[in-house]
Amino acid sequence: MKPRLLSRFALAGSLIAFLALASAACTGNHADEKRTTVTVAAVDFMRDIDKLVDDFENDHPDTNVKFAFLPENTLRARVPKDIATEAGHYDVVAIGPYEAPIWASRGWLTRLDGYAGQGGYDMGDFIPTVRKSLSYNGGQYAVPYYGESSFLMYRKDLFAKAGLTMPQRPNWQQVARLAAKLHDPRHGVAGICLRGGPGWGNLLMPLNTVILTFGGRWYDEHWNPRLTSPETKKAVRFYVDLVRLHGQPRPAEVGPAECLRTMRQGKAAMWYDSTALAGSLEDPNSSKVAGRLGYAPAPVVSTASSGWLWSWSLAIPVTSKNPQAAWEFVSWATSKGYPKLYGERLGWVRVPPGSRLSTYQLPKYQQATKAFVAPTLHALDAVNLVHPGVHEQPWVGMSYVGIPEYAGLGNRVSAEISAAIAGRQSVDEALARSQIFARDVVEGGGYRDQGGERESPEQ
């Protein structure tokens, strides 16, 4: 064959190959275009779901799931803005009991009852207090990925070494005395770890339970602010003094992630926080204190119980571009089968707790979580959303005030109290400013004129 003919054959072959690749690329692009993308705005704590989503996508080959994992404060700022402006960036959003009834009342969320009737989803299998906290006017607007209350986690080995015993039902004064005896900064061990960083979902989650059990409150039944009442002052002073004297270093910068790290590394004797975090402490692959922990009820003063209730849950905003595909993802991630999948692939001790009753019937889960499963269920069962403190309150819920303005108000108040923890001002100064913020909210929102009307979950 002549060189010129060889060159022509080579050119033709290259052209054919190029056209074949182009055709394949176009086919692939068309295939991708036919796939539905479900975009999920999730909190950082839910990152493990990304390791399991291939199971969902294998069963739903026409659906692609895209996650946006965000810190709590960022999530809480970005998602409502996206819905309110109808931007529609997210098909599924992670919210909690604070947002669910308020957003449902605004018409922001898709009611899920009709979807849940498909395929034996079994809404009745959810822990009742958790499910009801996510409802509004008889409708279900979010379903729990996991649920939590709060309890006191402590190092049994350090208690034994010091000759100390954790009371079966501790009060806060007992906890303070124990923290003082166990505080050992020379060896890098704090008496107790507590949240101190600003943010209504950070510092105020534990602090509000302390305020309530001391007899304090944000507002009375007529929406008069009570942040400077003697009981509220006493509670906040107690918390600030405890974390400053016997808490972790730089307490005004600490949140749950920092306390989790501190506790797992053996650098704290006690930690009051979410029941959902016990699994991470008991995982021997990541925790130095696994198998050496005890669990006691949330400390009290003047109430029978004081644990909070929260649930990172999944909801479908009305701005979702793909609501049916969004529900298929939501129903998979909150199904009865999901905890089993999680346990088999990622470890039973870290299965997201506090959502479905059936999870607690799984033998492998019972065995892996035997150290904390009973205290967790007890804490969830003891929650009183209607009357969590000493006094009546004109909203339903605890660790937050059930009004739309609380997100901004809580952030401002928490920043003031965090500044007191940092030593930049006194508790009295922090609460005096907070009282003004709280008064401005109710006067601007007309709550006193409403006679105590409230946006609330199903009771």
Protein backbone atom coordinates (compact mmCIF):
# COMPACT_ATOMS: atom_id res chain seq x y z
CA MET A 1 0.00 0.00 0.00
CA LYS A 2 1.27 3.43 -0.88
CA PRO A 3 2.15 5.84 1.96
CA ARG A 4 -0.53 8.35 0.82
CA LEU A 5 -3.24 5.63 0.92
CA LEU A 6 -2.02 4.51 4.36
CA SER A 7 -2.31 8.08 5.55
CA ARG A 8 -5.87 8.29 4.20
CA PHE A 9 -6.86 5.01 5.89
CA ALA A 10 -5.34 6.20 9.15
CA LEU A 11 -7.23 9.49 8.90
CA ALA A 12 -10.50 7.70 8.16
CA GLY A 13 -9.94 5.35 11.09
CA SER A 14 -9.26 8.25 13.42
CA LEU A 15 -12.42 10.00 12.21
CA ILE A 16 -14.53 6.88 12.80
CA ALA A 17 -13.06 6.45 16.27
CA PHE A 18 -13.73 10.10 17.11
CA LEU A 19 -17.34 9.87 15.91
CA ALA A 20 -17.85 6.70 17.95
CA LEU A 21 -16.54 8.36 21.09
CA ALA A 22 -18.63 11.46 20.45
CA SER A 23 -21.70 9.30 19.98
CA ALA A 24 -21.00 7.41 23.19
CA ALA A 25 -20.47 10.67 25.05
CA CYS A 26 -23.74 12.05 23.75
CA THR A 27 -25.53 8.85 24.74
CA GLY A 28 -24.01 9.04 28.20
CA ASN A 29 -25.04 12.67 28.58
CA HIS A 30 -28.58 11.84 27.55
CA ALA A 31 -28.60 9.00 30.10
CA ASP A 32 -27.40 11.38 32.80
CA GLU A 33 -30.02 13.91 31.78
CA LYS A 34 -32.72 11.30 32.30
CA ARG A 35 -31.58 10.73 35.90
CA THR A 36 -33.31 12.73 38.61
CA THR A 37 -31.02 14.50 41.06
CA VAL A 38 -32.21 14.77 44.65
CA THR A 39 -30.24 17.41 46.53
CA VAL A 40 -30.16 16.99 50.31
CA ALA A 41 -29.18 19.73 52.78
CA ALA A 42 -27.97 17.79 55.81
CA VAL A 43 -26.22 18.57 59.07
CA ASP A 44 -22.59 17.55 59.47
CA PHE A 45 -23.52 14.87 62.03
CA MET A 46 -25.27 12.90 59.27
CA ARG A 47 -22.20 12.43 57.05
CA ASP A 48 -22.24 8.63 57.43
CA ILE A 49 -25.30 8.47 55.21
CA ASP A 50 -23.06 9.27 52.24
CA LYS A 51 -21.29 5.93 52.81
CA LEU A 52 -24.57 4.06 52.42
CA VAL A 53 -26.40 5.96 49.69
CA ASP A 54 -25.10 3.59 47.02
CA ASP A 55 -27.63 1.09 48.39
CA PHE A 56 -30.43 3.54 47.58
CA GLU A 57 -29.04 4.45 44.16
CA ASN A 58 -28.64 0.78 43.20
CA ASP A 59 -32.34 0.28 43.89
CA HIS A 60 -33.22 3.58 42.17
CA PRO A 61 -30.99 3.68 39.08
CA ASP A 62 -32.83 6.72 37.72
CA THR A 63 -32.04 8.82 40.82
CA ASN A 64 -28.80 10.48 41.86
CA VAL A 65 -28.42 11.84 45.40
CA LYS A 66 -26.28 14.91 46.01
CA PHE A 67 -25.48 15.94 49.59
CA ALA A 68 -24.68 19.37 51.00
CA PHE A 69 -23.34 18.67 54.51
CA LEU A 70 -23.32 21.88 56.55
CA PRO A 71 -22.49 22.97 60.11
CA GLU A 72 -25.61 23.51 62.22
CA ASN A 73 -25.48 27.30 62.22
CA THR A 74 -24.85 27.43 58.46
CA LEU A 75 -27.67 24.97 57.75
CA ARG A 76 -30.09 26.96 59.90
CA ALA A 77 -29.23 30.15 58.08
CA ARG A 78 -29.16 28.83 54.52
CA VAL A 79 -32.19 26.52 54.32
CA PRO A 80 -34.98 28.93 55.39
CA LYS A 81 -33.60 31.57 53.05
CA ASP A 82 -33.65 29.06 50.19
CA ILE A 83 -37.28 28.14 50.86
CA ALA A 84 -38.50 31.68 51.53
CA THR A 85 -37.00 32.98 48.29
CA GLU A 86 -38.25 29.93 46.36
CA ALA A 87 -34.73 29.27 45.10
CA GLY A 88 -35.41 25.53 45.17
CA HIS A 89 -31.83 24.38 45.61
CA TYR A 90 -32.81 21.57 47.99
CA ASP A 91 -35.25 18.70 47.57
CA VAL A 92 -34.75 17.38 51.11
CA VAL A 93 -33.73 19.36 54.19
CA ALA A 94 -32.64 18.40 57.70
CA ILE A 95 -34.70 20.20 60.35
CA GLY A 96 -35.82 19.61 63.93
CA PRO A 97 -38.80 19.99 66.28
CA TYR A 98 -38.29 23.75 66.47
CA GLU A 99 -38.59 24.33 62.73
CA ALA A 100 -41.17 21.68 61.79
CA PRO A 101 -44.38 23.25 63.20
CA ILE A 102 -43.33 26.83 62.41
CA TRP A 103 -42.37 26.09 58.82
CA ALA A 104 -45.46 23.93 58.34
CA SER A 105 -47.66 26.81 59.51
CA ARG A 106 -46.02 29.03 56.88
CA GLY A 107 -46.76 26.53 54.12
CA TRP A 108 -43.07 25.81 53.55
CA LEU A 109 -43.16 22.03 54.00
CA THR A 110 -44.82 19.16 52.16
CA ARG A 111 -47.23 17.15 54.29
CA LEU A 112 -45.90 13.59 54.33
CA ASP A 113 -48.90 11.57 55.50
CA GLY A 114 -50.03 10.71 51.97
CA TYR A 115 -46.55 9.63 50.90
CA ALA A 116 -46.09 7.58 54.06
CA GLY A 117 -49.08 5.44 53.14
CA GLN A 118 -47.09 4.00 50.25
CA GLY A 119 -45.36 0.64 50.66
CA GLY A 120 -45.83 -0.17 54.33
CA TYR A 121 -43.67 2.66 55.67
CA ASP A 122 -45.21 2.34 59.18
CA MET A 123 -45.30 5.84 60.66
CA GLY A 124 -46.56 4.32 63.92
CA ASP A 125 -43.19 2.67 64.51
CA PHE A 126 -41.53 5.99 65.39
CA ILE A 127 -41.01 6.82 69.07
CA PRO A 128 -44.21 8.76 69.88
CA THR A 129 -42.64 11.83 71.52
CA VAL A 130 -40.24 12.25 68.61
CA ARG A 131 -42.90 11.80 65.92
CA LYS A 132 -45.35 14.21 67.55
CA SER A 133 -42.69 16.89 67.92
CA LEU A 134 -42.41 16.96 64.10
CA SER A 135 -46.14 17.35 63.43
CA TYR A 136 -48.49 20.29 63.06
CA ASN A 137 -52.30 20.40 63.21
CA GLY A 138 -52.54 16.64 62.88
CA GLY A 139 -50.19 16.39 59.90
CA GLN A 140 -46.68 14.94 59.68
CA TYR A 141 -44.20 17.35 58.11
CA ALA A 142 -40.88 15.66 58.88
CA VAL A 143 -39.70 12.19 59.88
CA PRO A 144 -36.76 11.48 62.21
CA TYR A 145 -33.37 10.32 61.01
CA TYR A 146 -32.43 10.07 64.65
CA GLY A 147 -33.86 11.34 67.94
CA GLU A 148 -32.18 12.42 71.13
CA SER A 149 -32.71 13.57 74.65
CA SER A 150 -29.85 14.39 77.03
CA PHE A 151 -28.12 12.59 79.87
CA LEU A 152 -24.95 12.68 81.96
CA MET A 153 -22.07 10.56 80.68
CA TYR A 154 -19.26 9.81 83.14
CA ARG A 155 -16.03 7.85 83.50
CA LYS A 156 -16.66 4.94 85.85
CA ASP A 157 -12.93 4.25 86.13
CA LEU A 158 -12.14 7.80 87.29
CA PHE A 159 -15.01 7.70 89.76
CA ALA A 160 -13.75 4.41 91.20
CA LYS A 161 -10.17 5.68 91.42
CA ALA A 162 -11.36 8.76 93.34
CA GLY A 163 -13.70 6.72 95.56
CA LEU A 164 -16.77 8.52 94.22
CA THR A 165 -20.24 7.26 93.29
CA MET A 166 -22.62 8.75 90.77
CA PRO A 167 -26.09 9.18 92.34
CA GLN A 168 -28.84 7.21 90.64
CA ARG A 169 -30.74 10.45 89.98
CA PRO A 170 -28.18 13.26 90.33
CA ASN A 171 -29.00 16.89 90.95
CA TRP A 172 -26.88 19.74 89.62
CA GLN A 173 -25.39 20.60 93.01
CA GLN A 174 -24.10 17.02 93.32
CA VAL A 175 -22.68 17.19 89.81
CA ALA A 176 -20.82 20.42 90.65
CA ARG A 177 -19.27 18.83 93.74
CA LEU A 178 -18.21 15.77 91.75
CA ALA A 179 -16.73 17.96 89.00
CA ALA A 180 -14.67 19.86 91.59
CA LYS A 181 -13.22 16.62 92.98
CA LEU A 182 -12.48 15.12 89.56
CA HIS A 183 -11.05 18.25 87.92
CA ASP A 184 -7.37 17.52 87.32
CA PRO A 185 -5.84 20.08 84.94
CA ARG A 186 -2.28 18.91 85.75
CA HIS A 187 -3.10 15.65 84.01
CA GLY A 188 -5.26 17.27 81.35
CA VAL A 189 -8.63 16.03 82.71
CA ALA A 190 -11.59 18.39 83.09
CA GLY A 191 -14.17 17.73 85.76
CA ILE A 192 -16.95 18.16 83.22
CA CYS A 193 -17.36 19.16 79.57
CA LEU A 194 -20.22 21.49 78.69
CA ARG A 195 -21.13 23.52 75.61
CA GLY A 196 -20.08 27.14 75.91
CA GLY A 197 -19.90 28.45 72.35
CA PRO A 198 -22.59 30.79 70.96
CA GLY A 199 -25.54 29.56 68.94
CA TRP A 200 -29.07 28.67 69.99
CA GLY A 201 -28.44 25.07 68.92
CA ASN A 202 -25.15 25.03 70.78
CA LEU A 203 -24.89 26.62 74.24
CA LEU A 204 -28.62 27.02 74.80
CA MET A 205 -29.52 23.35 74.28
CA PRO A 206 -28.04 22.25 77.64
CA LEU A 207 -28.33 25.64 79.37
CA ASN A 208 -32.09 25.89 78.79
CA THR A 209 -32.62 22.57 80.58
CA VAL A 210 -30.65 23.97 83.53
CA ILE A 211 -32.73 27.16 83.53
CA LEU A 212 -35.98 25.20 83.48
CA THR A 213 -35.09 22.80 86.29
CA PHE A 214 -33.85 25.70 88.47
CA GLY A 215 -37.30 27.28 88.09
CA GLY A 216 -36.24 29.90 85.55
CA ARG A 217 -37.79 30.65 82.16
CA TRP A 218 -37.61 32.87 79.09
CA TYR A 219 -41.20 34.15 79.27
CA ASP A 220 -44.10 33.79 81.64
CA GLU A 221 -47.55 32.68 80.51
CA HIS A 222 -48.38 36.25 79.43
CA TRP A 223 -45.21 36.62 77.33
CA ASN A 224 -43.42 38.84 79.83
CA PRO A 225 -39.67 38.20 79.52
CA ARG A 226 -38.15 36.61 82.62
CA LEU A 227 -34.46 36.38 81.79
CA THR A 228 -33.53 38.60 84.73
CA SER A 229 -35.68 36.76 87.28
CA PRO A 230 -33.82 35.46 90.38
CA GLU A 231 -34.31 31.85 89.28
CA THR A 232 -32.97 32.41 85.76
CA LYS A 233 -29.99 34.37 87.09
CA LYS A 234 -29.20 31.62 89.59
CA ALA A 235 -29.30 28.95 86.88
CA VAL A 236 -27.09 30.84 84.43
CA ARG A 237 -24.58 31.81 87.14
CA PHE A 238 -24.40 28.17 88.18
CA TYR A 239 -23.71 27.00 84.62
CA VAL A 240 -21.15 29.72 83.90
CA ASP A 241 -19.31 29.11 87.17
CA LEU A 242 -19.30 25.35 86.65
CA VAL A 243 -17.83 25.46 83.17
CA ARG A 244 -15.32 28.20 84.09
CA LEU A 245 -14.08 26.50 87.25
CA HIS A 246 -14.21 22.82 86.38
CA GLY A 247 -14.82 22.66 82.63
CA GLN A 248 -12.65 22.14 79.60
CA PRO A 249 -10.07 24.71 78.43
CA ARG A 250 -11.36 27.73 76.47
CA PRO A 251 -14.99 26.86 77.30
CA ALA A 252 -16.51 29.76 75.36
CA GLU A 253 -15.38 28.11 72.11
CA VAL A 254 -16.72 24.63 72.83
CA GLY A 255 -19.60 22.81 71.15
CA PRO A 256 -20.69 19.16 71.00
CA ALA A 257 -17.97 18.18 68.52
CA GLU A 258 -15.24 19.54 70.80
CA CYS A 259 -16.72 17.85 73.87
CA LEU A 260 -17.02 14.57 71.96
CA ARG A 261 -13.37 14.75 71.02
CA THR A 262 -12.39 15.68 74.59
CA MET A 263 -14.35 12.79 76.08
CA ARG A 264 -13.16 10.22 73.53
CA GLN A 265 -9.56 11.16 74.27
CA GLY A 266 -10.08 10.61 77.99
CA LYS A 267 -9.73 14.29 78.89
CA ALA A 268 -13.00 14.77 80.79
CA ALA A 269 -14.58 12.96 83.71
CA MET A 270 -18.18 13.88 82.87
CA TRP A 271 -20.16 15.26 79.96
CA TYR A 272 -23.78 16.41 79.89
CA ASP A 273 -25.07 16.27 76.33
CA SER A 274 -27.06 14.36 73.71
CA THR A 275 -27.99 10.71 74.14
CA ALA A 276 -27.24 10.26 70.43
CA LEU A 277 -23.50 10.76 71.02
CA ALA A 278 -23.04 7.77 73.32
CA GLY A 279 -22.48 5.43 70.37
CA SER A 280 -19.40 7.39 69.32
CA LEU A 281 -18.00 7.13 72.85
CA GLU A 282 -18.55 3.38 72.95
CA ASP A 283 -16.92 2.71 69.58
CA PRO A 284 -13.51 1.14 70.36
CA ASN A 285 -12.25 2.10 66.90
CA SER A 286 -12.39 5.81 67.74
CA SER A 287 -12.72 6.15 71.51
CA LYS A 288 -10.15 5.54 74.24
CA VAL A 289 -12.89 5.33 76.88
CA ALA A 290 -15.16 2.73 75.25
CA GLY A 291 -16.41 0.29 77.88
CA ARG A 292 -15.50 2.57 80.78
CA LEU A 293 -18.56 4.82 80.82
CA GLY A 294 -21.68 5.12 82.89
CA TYR A 295 -24.89 6.99 82.06
CA ALA A 296 -27.12 8.90 84.48
CA PRO A 297 -30.35 10.88 83.90
CA ALA A 298 -30.16 14.59 83.10
CA PRO A 299 -29.47 16.36 86.43
CA VAL A 300 -32.39 18.15 88.08
CA VAL A 301 -33.09 20.70 90.79
CA SER A 302 -36.83 21.42 91.07
CA THR A 303 -38.36 19.22 88.34
CA ALA A 304 -38.86 15.47 88.01
CA SER A 305 -36.82 15.35 84.79
CA SER A 306 -34.91 17.81 82.65
CA GLY A 307 -33.62 16.19 79.46
CA TRP A 308 -34.19 17.97 76.17
CA LEU A 309 -35.79 16.58 73.02
CA TRP A 310 -34.29 17.06 69.58
CA SER A 311 -34.36 15.15 66.35
CA TRP A 312 -32.46 15.75 63.15
CA SER A 313 -35.19 14.85 60.73
CA LEU A 314 -35.88 14.93 57.02
CA ALA A 315 -38.49 17.14 55.38
CA ILE A 316 -39.42 18.00 51.81
CA PRO A 317 -39.79 21.73 51.14
CA VAL A 318 -42.65 22.78 48.86
CA THR A 319 -39.98 24.26 46.58
CA SER A 320 -38.55 20.81 45.82
CA LYS A 321 -38.32 20.20 42.09
CA ASN A 322 -38.60 16.41 42.55
CA PRO A 323 -40.94 15.68 45.47
CA GLN A 324 -41.67 12.05 44.57
CA ALA A 325 -37.98 11.17 44.20
CA ALA A 326 -37.30 13.17 47.36
CA TRP A 327 -39.82 11.06 49.27
CA GLU A 328 -38.28 7.84 47.95
CA PHE A 329 -34.94 8.96 49.42
CA VAL A 330 -36.51 10.14 52.69
CA SER A 331 -38.43 6.89 53.13
CA TRP A 332 -35.25 4.87 52.53
CA ALA A 333 -33.15 6.90 55.00
CA THR A 334 -35.80 6.66 57.74
CA SER A 335 -37.04 3.13 57.03
CA LYS A 336 -37.03 0.11 59.32
CA GLY A 337 -34.34 -1.42 57.15
CA TYR A 338 -31.92 1.51 57.32
CA PRO A 339 -30.62 0.83 60.88
CA LYS A 340 -29.87 -2.77 59.89
CA LEU A 341 -27.98 -1.63 56.79
CA TYR A 342 -26.07 0.91 58.88
CA GLY A 343 -25.18 -1.66 61.54
CA GLU A 344 -23.97 -4.28 59.08
CA ARG A 345 -21.79 -1.87 57.09
CA LEU A 346 -20.66 0.79 59.56
CA GLY A 347 -21.02 -0.79 63.00
CA TRP A 348 -23.97 -1.47 65.26
CA VAL A 349 -22.87 0.73 68.15
CA ARG A 350 -23.15 3.88 65.99
CA VAL A 351 -26.56 3.21 64.43
CA PRO A 352 -28.61 6.47 64.55
CA PRO A 353 -30.73 6.05 67.69
CA GLY A 354 -33.98 7.44 68.98
CA SER A 355 -36.20 7.19 65.91
CA ARG A 356 -37.87 3.81 65.35
CA LEU A 357 -39.06 1.45 68.08
CA SER A 358 -38.20 -1.54 65.90
CA THR A 359 -34.49 -0.62 66.00
CA TYR A 360 -34.48 -1.52 69.68
CA GLN A 361 -35.73 -5.02 68.88
CA LEU A 362 -32.70 -5.88 66.73
CA PRO A 363 -30.54 -8.37 68.71
CA LYS A 364 -27.25 -7.10 67.31
CA TYR A 365 -28.17 -3.52 68.16
CA GLN A 366 -29.24 -4.51 71.67
CA GLN A 367 -25.93 -6.26 72.25
CA ALA A 368 -23.78 -3.45 70.88
CA THR A 369 -25.60 -0.69 72.79
CA LYS A 370 -26.30 -2.46 76.07
CA ALA A 371 -24.31 0.16 78.03
CA PHE A 372 -26.60 3.04 77.07
CA VAL A 373 -29.76 1.69 75.38
CA ALA A 374 -31.89 1.66 78.55
CA PRO A 375 -30.79 5.15 79.72
CA THR A 376 -31.48 6.51 76.22
CA LEU A 377 -35.02 5.15 76.08
CA HIS A 378 -35.68 6.32 79.63
CA ALA A 379 -34.51 9.83 78.74
CA LEU A 380 -36.72 10.00 75.64
CA ASP A 381 -39.71 8.70 77.56
CA ALA A 382 -39.25 11.25 80.38
CA VAL A 383 -39.47 14.33 78.13
CA ASN A 384 -42.33 16.72 78.87
CA LEU A 385 -42.77 19.09 75.91
CA VAL A 386 -45.85 20.85 77.26
CA HIS A 387 -44.70 21.62 80.82
CA PRO A 388 -40.94 21.00 80.99
CA GLY A 389 -40.17 23.47 83.79
CA VAL A 390 -41.64 24.62 87.09
CA HIS A 391 -43.98 27.13 85.45
CA GLU A 392 -46.54 27.13 82.64
CA GLN A 393 -45.23 28.34 79.27
CA PRO A 394 -47.22 29.67 76.29
CA TRP A 395 -45.54 27.38 73.75
CA VAL A 396 -44.76 23.70 73.29
CA GLY A 397 -41.16 22.54 73.44
CA MET A 398 -38.01 22.76 75.49
CA SER A 399 -34.50 24.03 74.82
CA TYR A 400 -36.11 26.60 72.56
CA VAL A 401 -38.99 29.07 72.51
CA GLY A 402 -41.52 27.98 69.91
CA ILE A 403 -41.75 31.23 67.97
CA PRO A 404 -40.19 32.12 64.59
CA GLU A 405 -38.06 34.89 66.11
CA TYR A 406 -36.29 32.55 68.49
CA ALA A 407 -33.57 31.57 66.02
CA GLY A 408 -32.28 35.14 65.96
CA LEU A 409 -33.10 35.83 69.60
CA GLY A 410 -31.43 32.64 70.78
CA ASN A 411 -28.27 33.42 68.85
CA ARG A 412 -28.06 36.90 70.39
CA VAL A 413 -28.70 35.68 73.94
CA SER A 414 -26.27 32.78 73.60
CA ALA A 415 -23.58 35.20 72.39
CA GLU A 416 -24.08 37.33 75.51
CA ILE A 417 -23.85 34.35 77.84
CA SER A 418 -20.88 32.91 75.96
CA ALA A 419 -19.16 36.27 76.49
CA ALA A 420 -19.78 35.85 80.23
CA ILE A 421 -18.21 32.39 80.08
CA ALA A 422 -15.21 33.96 78.35
CA GLY A 423 -14.96 36.51 81.17
CA ARG A 424 -15.70 39.54 79.01
CA GLN A 425 -18.76 40.53 81.06
CA SER A 426 -20.75 39.42 84.09
CA VAL A 427 -23.77 37.14 84.02
CA ASP A 428 -25.95 40.03 85.21
CA GLU A 429 -24.78 42.18 82.31
CA ALA A 430 -25.38 39.36 79.83
CA LEU A 431 -28.91 38.76 81.09
CA ALA A 432 -29.78 42.45 81.27
CA ARG A 433 -29.01 42.77 77.56
CA SER A 434 -30.82 39.51 76.84
CA GLN A 435 -33.92 40.76 78.66
CA ILE A 436 -34.07 43.75 76.30
CA PHE A 437 -33.74 41.47 73.25
CA ALA A 438 -36.52 39.22 74.57
CA ARG A 439 -38.83 42.17 75.26
CA ASP A 440 -38.27 43.62 71.77
CA VAL A 441 -39.25 40.29 70.20
CA VAL A 442 -42.62 39.92 71.94
CA GLU A 443 -43.53 43.57 71.50
CA GLY A 444 -42.58 43.53 67.81
CA GLY A 445 -44.39 40.24 67.22
CA GLY A 446 -47.54 41.19 69.11
CA TYR A 447 -47.49 38.03 71.21
CA ARG A 448 -49.14 39.66 74.21
CA ASP A 449 -52.05 40.67 71.98
CA GLN A 450 -52.55 37.07 70.87
CA GLY A 451 -53.50 35.86 74.34
CA GLY A 452 -50.88 33.13 74.32
CA GLU A 453 -51.66 31.68 70.89
CA ARG A 454 -48.84 29.49 69.68
CA GLU A 455 -47.68 27.45 66.75
CA SER A 456 -47.37 23.97 68.16
CA PRO A 457 -47.01 20.34 67.19
CA GLU A 458 -49.78 17.81 67.52
CA GLN A 459 -50.44 16.96 71.15
